Amino acid sequence: MEDAELMHSLGVNSYRFSISWSRILPRGRFGEVDSIGIEFYNRLIDAILLKGIQPFVTLNHYDIPQELEDRYGLWLSPQIQ
């Protein structure tokens, strides 16, 4: 919440940030959605919207859930692509 206030005080009107794939789906496609991770990003988005700041959200594509890395390797593997 302090970050949202600081951005507002500096006159920031947009904020680009990345969602961590592992924070939302810790086991990739093999597990449940992490509700704590969802709540974190919802609070962040709500806080900056209340300050009139437009969120621009991306997926952090370098962040791969450990289970997917263990099963398929990294991005060079055709299975994970």
Protein backbone atom coordinates (compact mmCIF):
# COMPACT_ATOMS: atom_id res chain seq x y z
CA MET A 1 0.00 0.00 0.00
CA GLU A 2 2.92 2.34 0.67
CA ASP A 3 4.16 1.81 -2.89
CA ALA A 4 0.77 2.82 -4.31
CA GLU A 5 0.81 5.96 -2.18
CA LEU A 6 4.38 6.77 -3.24
CA MET A 7 3.56 6.31 -6.94
CA HIS A 8 0.52 8.56 -6.53
CA SER A 9 2.56 11.26 -4.77
CA LEU A 10 5.07 11.19 -7.64
CA GLY A 11 2.31 11.64 -10.21
CA VAL A 12 2.65 8.18 -11.75
CA ASN A 13 -0.36 7.43 -13.95
CA SER A 14 0.45 3.87 -15.03
CA TYR A 15 2.32 0.92 -13.57
CA ARG A 16 3.61 -2.13 -15.42
CA PHE A 17 4.31 -5.21 -13.37
CA SER A 18 4.61 -8.94 -13.91
CA ILE A 19 2.63 -11.68 -12.24
CA SER A 20 4.72 -14.59 -11.04
CA TRP A 21 3.44 -17.80 -12.64
CA SER A 22 4.79 -19.77 -9.67
CA ARG A 23 2.97 -17.57 -7.19
CA ILE A 24 -0.40 -18.23 -8.87
CA LEU A 25 0.10 -21.86 -9.99
CA PRO A 26 2.93 -23.27 -7.84
CA ARG A 27 2.69 -26.71 -9.47
CA GLY A 28 1.97 -25.48 -12.97
CA ARG A 29 -0.95 -27.26 -14.58
CA PHE A 30 -0.75 -30.11 -12.06
CA GLY A 31 -1.98 -28.28 -8.98
CA GLU A 32 -4.48 -25.85 -7.60
CA VAL A 33 -4.54 -22.09 -7.93
CA ASP A 34 -2.87 -20.43 -4.93
CA SER A 35 -5.56 -18.18 -3.46
CA ILE A 36 -2.98 -16.26 -1.39
CA GLY A 37 -1.14 -15.32 -4.60
CA ILE A 38 -4.39 -14.21 -6.24
CA GLU A 39 -5.27 -12.11 -3.18
CA PHE A 40 -1.83 -10.44 -3.27
CA TYR A 41 -2.24 -9.31 -6.88
CA ASN A 42 -5.88 -8.30 -6.35
CA ARG A 43 -4.86 -6.06 -3.43
CA LEU A 44 -2.06 -4.51 -5.49
CA ILE A 45 -4.32 -3.82 -8.47
CA ASP A 46 -7.11 -2.44 -6.26
CA ALA A 47 -4.67 -0.15 -4.43
CA ILE A 48 -3.23 1.39 -7.57
CA LEU A 49 -6.65 1.77 -9.20
CA LEU A 50 -7.86 3.67 -6.13
CA LYS A 51 -4.99 6.10 -6.70
CA GLY A 52 -5.95 6.59 -10.36
CA ILE A 53 -3.02 4.55 -11.64
CA GLN A 54 -3.62 2.30 -14.66
CA PRO A 55 -2.16 -1.21 -14.21
CA PHE A 56 -0.45 -2.95 -17.13
CA VAL A 57 -0.02 -6.60 -16.19
CA THR A 58 2.26 -9.15 -17.84
CA LEU A 59 3.21 -12.73 -17.03
CA ASN A 60 6.78 -13.20 -15.86
CA HIS A 61 7.80 -15.72 -18.51
CA TYR A 62 11.17 -16.51 -16.90
CA ASP A 63 9.42 -17.86 -13.84
CA ILE A 64 8.51 -21.52 -14.34
CA PRO A 65 6.86 -23.57 -11.59
CA GLN A 66 9.37 -26.10 -10.23
CA GLU A 67 7.22 -29.10 -11.08
CA LEU A 68 7.10 -28.12 -14.77
CA GLU A 69 10.86 -27.58 -14.81
CA ASP A 70 11.42 -30.98 -13.19
CA ARG A 71 9.11 -32.74 -15.67
CA TYR A 72 10.03 -30.95 -18.90
CA GLY A 73 13.17 -28.90 -18.40
CA LEU A 74 13.31 -25.25 -19.29
CA TRP A 75 12.08 -23.26 -22.31
CA LEU A 76 14.36 -25.06 -24.78
CA SER A 77 12.35 -28.26 -24.30
CA PRO A 78 9.63 -28.71 -26.95
CA GLN A 79 7.43 -30.26 -24.24
CA ILE A 80 7.24 -27.05 -22.22
CA GLN A 81 6.88 -24.81 -25.24
